[in-house]
Amino acid sequence: MSESGFDTTQIDETIHGRLRLGVMAFLSSLESASFAEIRQKTGASDGNLSVHLRKLEDAGYVAIEKRFVGRKPQTRAALTDAGRKAWLTYLDQLRQLIGDAPSA
């Protein structure tokens, strides 16, 4: 880190994208959410959301569960333990950038 504490190189690029940031923020307060709920909350298109969920899944931050509810397929997403840790680290890094102390 630089002497001033201002070091943007520490920001997690996987989380930092606008849509991925929104997904992580939304999921951080829930046990899980359906694809439709995430799409509605973020305003993303199906295709765009799929791509970004896959990127978060590939990073190990989000677990995707596909199942059937009745005869309809349903996709649910949840933060993994690694994803929750990465989210808290991301928030601490932002706090450091703006000069606030990190959380415990």
N, C-alpha and C. Protein backbone atom coordinates (compact mmCIF):
# COMPACT_ATOMS: atom_id res chain seq x y z
N MET A 1 0.85 -1.17 0.00
CA MET A 1 0.00 0.00 0.00
C MET A 1 0.88 1.23 0.00
N SER A 2 0.44 2.28 -0.62
CA SER A 2 1.20 3.52 -0.65
C SER A 2 1.21 4.14 0.74
N GLU A 3 2.14 5.07 0.97
CA GLU A 3 2.25 5.71 2.28
C GLU A 3 0.97 6.43 2.68
N SER A 4 0.27 7.00 1.74
CA SER A 4 -0.94 7.75 2.06
C SER A 4 -2.14 6.84 2.33
N GLY A 5 -2.02 5.53 2.08
CA GLY A 5 -3.14 4.62 2.26
C GLY A 5 -4.04 4.56 1.04
N PHE A 6 -3.73 5.34 0.03
CA PHE A 6 -4.56 5.38 -1.18
C PHE A 6 -3.94 4.47 -2.22
N ASP A 7 -4.50 3.26 -2.37
CA ASP A 7 -3.93 2.27 -3.29
C ASP A 7 -5.07 1.53 -3.98
N THR A 8 -5.41 1.96 -5.17
CA THR A 8 -6.53 1.35 -5.89
C THR A 8 -6.18 -0.02 -6.46
N THR A 9 -4.91 -0.40 -6.46
CA THR A 9 -4.53 -1.71 -6.99
C THR A 9 -5.04 -2.85 -6.12
N GLN A 10 -5.46 -2.55 -4.91
CA GLN A 10 -5.95 -3.59 -4.00
C GLN A 10 -7.44 -3.91 -4.20
N ILE A 11 -8.13 -3.11 -4.99
CA ILE A 11 -9.57 -3.31 -5.22
C ILE A 11 -9.79 -4.58 -6.04
N ASP A 12 -10.71 -5.41 -5.59
CA ASP A 12 -11.03 -6.66 -6.27
C ASP A 12 -11.80 -6.36 -7.56
N GLU A 13 -11.14 -6.55 -8.69
CA GLU A 13 -11.75 -6.24 -10.00
C GLU A 13 -12.96 -7.13 -10.29
N THR A 14 -12.99 -8.33 -9.75
CA THR A 14 -14.12 -9.22 -9.99
C THR A 14 -15.39 -8.63 -9.39
N ILE A 15 -15.29 -8.06 -8.22
CA ILE A 15 -16.45 -7.46 -7.56
C ILE A 15 -16.74 -6.07 -8.10
N HIS A 16 -15.71 -5.33 -8.48
CA HIS A 16 -15.84 -3.91 -8.73
C HIS A 16 -16.69 -3.52 -9.95
N GLY A 17 -16.91 -4.41 -10.88
CA GLY A 17 -17.79 -4.10 -12.01
C GLY A 17 -19.18 -3.73 -11.51
N ARG A 18 -19.83 -2.75 -12.12
CA ARG A 18 -21.10 -2.22 -11.62
C ARG A 18 -22.14 -3.30 -11.35
N LEU A 19 -22.39 -4.18 -12.30
CA LEU A 19 -23.41 -5.20 -12.11
C LEU A 19 -22.99 -6.23 -11.07
N ARG A 20 -21.74 -6.65 -11.10
CA ARG A 20 -21.26 -7.62 -10.11
C ARG A 20 -21.30 -7.01 -8.71
N LEU A 21 -20.98 -5.73 -8.60
CA LEU A 21 -21.06 -5.04 -7.32
C LEU A 21 -22.50 -5.06 -6.81
N GLY A 22 -23.44 -4.78 -7.69
CA GLY A 22 -24.85 -4.82 -7.31
C GLY A 22 -25.30 -6.20 -6.87
N VAL A 23 -24.86 -7.22 -7.58
CA VAL A 23 -25.22 -8.60 -7.22
C VAL A 23 -24.65 -8.95 -5.85
N MET A 24 -23.38 -8.62 -5.65
CA MET A 24 -22.74 -8.94 -4.36
C MET A 24 -23.43 -8.19 -3.22
N ALA A 25 -23.73 -6.92 -3.42
CA ALA A 25 -24.41 -6.13 -2.38
C ALA A 25 -25.78 -6.73 -2.06
N PHE A 26 -26.53 -7.08 -3.09
CA PHE A 26 -27.87 -7.65 -2.90
C PHE A 26 -27.78 -8.99 -2.17
N LEU A 27 -26.90 -9.87 -2.63
CA LEU A 27 -26.79 -11.19 -2.01
C LEU A 27 -26.21 -11.15 -0.61
N SER A 28 -25.45 -10.11 -0.29
CA SER A 28 -24.82 -10.05 1.03
C SER A 28 -25.83 -9.95 2.16
N SER A 29 -27.03 -9.51 1.85
CA SER A 29 -28.05 -9.35 2.89
C SER A 29 -29.08 -10.48 2.88
N LEU A 30 -28.87 -11.49 2.04
CA LEU A 30 -29.84 -12.57 1.90
C LEU A 30 -29.15 -13.93 2.02
N GLU A 31 -29.95 -14.94 2.32
CA GLU A 31 -29.41 -16.30 2.28
C GLU A 31 -29.19 -16.72 0.82
N SER A 32 -30.17 -16.42 -0.02
CA SER A 32 -30.07 -16.68 -1.46
C SER A 32 -31.16 -15.87 -2.15
N ALA A 33 -31.05 -15.81 -3.49
CA ALA A 33 -32.06 -15.10 -4.27
C ALA A 33 -32.22 -15.80 -5.61
N SER A 34 -33.41 -15.73 -6.16
CA SER A 34 -33.65 -16.32 -7.47
C SER A 34 -33.06 -15.40 -8.55
N PHE A 35 -32.81 -16.00 -9.70
CA PHE A 35 -32.31 -15.24 -10.85
C PHE A 35 -33.25 -14.07 -11.13
N ALA A 36 -34.55 -14.33 -11.09
CA ALA A 36 -35.54 -13.29 -11.38
C ALA A 36 -35.46 -12.15 -10.37
N GLU A 37 -35.27 -12.48 -9.09
CA GLU A 37 -35.14 -11.44 -8.06
C GLU A 37 -33.90 -10.58 -8.30
N ILE A 38 -32.79 -11.23 -8.63
CA ILE A 38 -31.55 -10.50 -8.88
C ILE A 38 -31.70 -9.62 -10.12
N ARG A 39 -32.30 -10.18 -11.17
CA ARG A 39 -32.52 -9.43 -12.41
C ARG A 39 -33.37 -8.20 -12.14
N GLN A 40 -34.44 -8.38 -11.38
CA GLN A 40 -35.34 -7.26 -11.07
C GLN A 40 -34.62 -6.20 -10.24
N LYS A 41 -33.86 -6.63 -9.25
CA LYS A 41 -33.18 -5.69 -8.36
C LYS A 41 -32.09 -4.91 -9.08
N THR A 42 -31.37 -5.57 -9.99
CA THR A 42 -30.24 -4.93 -10.67
C THR A 42 -30.63 -4.26 -11.98
N GLY A 43 -31.78 -4.63 -12.55
CA GLY A 43 -32.20 -4.09 -13.83
C GLY A 43 -31.43 -4.65 -15.01
N ALA A 44 -30.76 -5.77 -14.80
CA ALA A 44 -29.93 -6.39 -15.85
C ALA A 44 -30.79 -7.21 -16.80
N SER A 45 -30.27 -7.39 -18.01
CA SER A 45 -30.92 -8.31 -18.95
C SER A 45 -30.54 -9.73 -18.55
N ASP A 46 -31.31 -10.71 -19.02
CA ASP A 46 -31.02 -12.11 -18.71
C ASP A 46 -29.59 -12.49 -19.12
N GLY A 47 -29.22 -12.14 -20.34
CA GLY A 47 -27.91 -12.52 -20.85
C GLY A 47 -26.77 -11.86 -20.08
N ASN A 48 -26.92 -10.57 -19.81
CA ASN A 48 -25.88 -9.85 -19.08
C ASN A 48 -25.73 -10.39 -17.66
N LEU A 49 -26.85 -10.63 -16.99
CA LEU A 49 -26.80 -11.16 -15.64
C LEU A 49 -26.17 -12.54 -15.62
N SER A 50 -26.51 -13.38 -16.60
CA SER A 50 -25.92 -14.72 -16.67
C SER A 50 -24.40 -14.66 -16.77
N VAL A 51 -23.90 -13.78 -17.61
CA VAL A 51 -22.45 -13.64 -17.80
C VAL A 51 -21.78 -13.22 -16.49
N HIS A 52 -22.36 -12.25 -15.80
CA HIS A 52 -21.75 -11.74 -14.58
C HIS A 52 -21.89 -12.72 -13.41
N LEU A 53 -22.99 -13.43 -13.34
CA LEU A 53 -23.11 -14.48 -12.31
C LEU A 53 -22.07 -15.57 -12.55
N ARG A 54 -21.85 -15.91 -13.81
CA ARG A 54 -20.84 -16.92 -14.13
C ARG A 54 -19.45 -16.47 -13.69
N LYS A 55 -19.14 -15.19 -13.91
CA LYS A 55 -17.84 -14.67 -13.50
C LYS A 55 -17.69 -14.74 -11.98
N LEU A 56 -18.73 -14.40 -11.24
CA LEU A 56 -18.69 -14.50 -9.79
C LEU A 56 -18.60 -15.95 -9.33
N GLU A 57 -19.30 -16.82 -10.04
CA GLU A 57 -19.24 -18.26 -9.72
C GLU A 57 -17.83 -18.80 -9.99
N ASP A 58 -17.25 -18.44 -11.12
CA ASP A 58 -15.90 -18.89 -11.46
C ASP A 58 -14.87 -18.42 -10.44
N ALA A 59 -15.10 -17.25 -9.84
CA ALA A 59 -14.19 -16.73 -8.82
C ALA A 59 -14.41 -17.41 -7.46
N GLY A 60 -15.48 -18.19 -7.36
CA GLY A 60 -15.79 -18.86 -6.11
C GLY A 60 -16.57 -18.00 -5.14
N TYR A 61 -17.11 -16.87 -5.61
CA TYR A 61 -17.82 -15.93 -4.75
C TYR A 61 -19.31 -16.23 -4.64
N VAL A 62 -19.86 -16.89 -5.64
CA VAL A 62 -21.30 -17.17 -5.69
C VAL A 62 -21.50 -18.64 -6.03
N ALA A 63 -22.44 -19.26 -5.34
CA ALA A 63 -22.85 -20.63 -5.67
C ALA A 63 -24.19 -20.55 -6.40
N ILE A 64 -24.28 -21.28 -7.50
CA ILE A 64 -25.50 -21.30 -8.30
C ILE A 64 -26.16 -22.66 -8.12
N GLU A 65 -27.46 -22.64 -7.86
CA GLU A 65 -28.23 -23.86 -7.73
C GLU A 65 -29.36 -23.82 -8.76
N LYS A 66 -29.44 -24.86 -9.58
CA LYS A 66 -30.51 -24.96 -10.58
C LYS A 66 -31.42 -26.11 -10.15
N ARG A 67 -32.71 -25.83 -10.11
CA ARG A 67 -33.68 -26.84 -9.71
C ARG A 67 -35.01 -26.55 -10.39
N PHE A 68 -35.94 -27.45 -10.19
CA PHE A 68 -37.28 -27.26 -10.72
C PHE A 68 -38.24 -26.96 -9.57
N VAL A 69 -39.08 -25.98 -9.77
CA VAL A 69 -40.16 -25.68 -8.85
C VAL A 69 -41.43 -25.98 -9.62
N GLY A 70 -42.06 -27.07 -9.25
CA GLY A 70 -43.14 -27.59 -10.09
C GLY A 70 -42.49 -28.06 -11.38
N ARG A 71 -42.93 -27.52 -12.49
CA ARG A 71 -42.32 -27.88 -13.78
C ARG A 71 -41.44 -26.77 -14.34
N LYS A 72 -41.29 -25.70 -13.56
CA LYS A 72 -40.51 -24.55 -14.04
C LYS A 72 -39.09 -24.60 -13.49
N PRO A 73 -38.10 -24.42 -14.36
CA PRO A 73 -36.72 -24.35 -13.86
C PRO A 73 -36.51 -23.06 -13.07
N GLN A 74 -35.72 -23.17 -12.02
CA GLN A 74 -35.40 -22.00 -11.23
C GLN A 74 -33.91 -22.01 -10.90
N THR A 75 -33.28 -20.87 -11.06
CA THR A 75 -31.88 -20.70 -10.72
C THR A 75 -31.81 -19.80 -9.50
N ARG A 76 -31.06 -20.24 -8.48
CA ARG A 76 -30.85 -19.45 -7.27
C ARG A 76 -29.37 -19.22 -7.10
N ALA A 77 -29.04 -18.10 -6.51
CA ALA A 77 -27.64 -17.75 -6.26
C ALA A 77 -27.49 -17.35 -4.80
N ALA A 78 -26.32 -17.67 -4.26
CA ALA A 78 -26.00 -17.31 -2.88
C ALA A 78 -24.51 -17.04 -2.78
N LEU A 79 -24.14 -16.14 -1.87
CA LEU A 79 -22.73 -15.92 -1.63
C LEU A 79 -22.15 -17.15 -0.95
N THR A 80 -20.96 -17.52 -1.36
CA THR A 80 -20.22 -18.58 -0.67
C THR A 80 -19.50 -17.95 0.52
N ASP A 81 -18.90 -18.77 1.36
CA ASP A 81 -18.10 -18.22 2.46
C ASP A 81 -16.97 -17.36 1.90
N ALA A 82 -16.33 -17.83 0.83
CA ALA A 82 -15.26 -17.06 0.19
C ALA A 82 -15.81 -15.76 -0.39
N GLY A 83 -17.01 -15.79 -0.93
CA GLY A 83 -17.63 -14.60 -1.48
C GLY A 83 -17.96 -13.58 -0.40
N ARG A 84 -18.45 -14.06 0.73
CA ARG A 84 -18.76 -13.14 1.84
C ARG A 84 -17.47 -12.50 2.36
N LYS A 85 -16.40 -13.30 2.47
CA LYS A 85 -15.11 -12.77 2.91
C LYS A 85 -14.58 -11.75 1.91
N ALA A 86 -14.67 -12.06 0.62
CA ALA A 86 -14.22 -11.14 -0.43
C ALA A 86 -15.03 -9.84 -0.39
N TRP A 87 -16.32 -9.95 -0.13
CA TRP A 87 -17.19 -8.77 -0.06
C TRP A 87 -16.75 -7.86 1.09
N LEU A 88 -16.52 -8.44 2.27
CA LEU A 88 -16.10 -7.66 3.43
C LEU A 88 -14.72 -7.03 3.20
N THR A 89 -13.83 -7.77 2.56
CA THR A 89 -12.51 -7.24 2.22
C THR A 89 -12.64 -6.08 1.25
N TYR A 90 -13.50 -6.24 0.26
CA TYR A 90 -13.76 -5.17 -0.72
C TYR A 90 -14.23 -3.90 -0.01
N LEU A 91 -15.19 -4.05 0.90
CA LEU A 91 -15.70 -2.90 1.63
C LEU A 91 -14.60 -2.25 2.46
N ASP A 92 -13.76 -3.05 3.09
CA ASP A 92 -12.63 -2.51 3.86
C ASP A 92 -11.67 -1.74 2.96
N GLN A 93 -11.43 -2.27 1.76
CA GLN A 93 -10.53 -1.59 0.82
C GLN A 93 -11.11 -0.24 0.41
N LEU A 94 -12.41 -0.18 0.19
CA LEU A 94 -13.04 1.11 -0.15
C LEU A 94 -12.92 2.08 1.02
N ARG A 95 -13.12 1.58 2.24
CA ARG A 95 -12.99 2.44 3.42
C ARG A 95 -11.58 3.02 3.52
N GLN A 96 -10.60 2.20 3.21
CA GLN A 96 -9.22 2.67 3.25
C GLN A 96 -8.99 3.76 2.21
N LEU A 97 -9.59 3.61 1.05
CA LEU A 97 -9.44 4.62 0.01
C LEU A 97 -10.01 5.97 0.43
N ILE A 98 -11.09 5.93 1.19
CA ILE A 98 -11.70 7.20 1.59
C ILE A 98 -11.25 7.65 2.98
N GLY A 99 -10.35 6.87 3.58
CA GLY A 99 -9.75 7.29 4.84
C GLY A 99 -10.46 6.83 6.09
N ASP A 100 -11.46 5.96 5.98
CA ASP A 100 -12.12 5.40 7.15
C ASP A 100 -11.36 4.18 7.63
N ALA A 101 -11.47 3.87 8.88
CA ALA A 101 -10.83 2.68 9.44
C ALA A 101 -11.58 1.44 8.99
N PRO A 102 -10.87 0.33 8.73
CA PRO A 102 -11.53 -0.92 8.35
C PRO A 102 -12.35 -1.49 9.50
N SER A 103 -13.35 -2.31 9.15
CA SER A 103 -14.17 -2.96 10.17
C SER A 103 -13.38 -4.07 10.82
N ALA A 104 -13.85 -4.52 11.97
CA ALA A 104 -13.13 -5.55 12.73
C ALA A 104 -13.27 -6.91 12.11
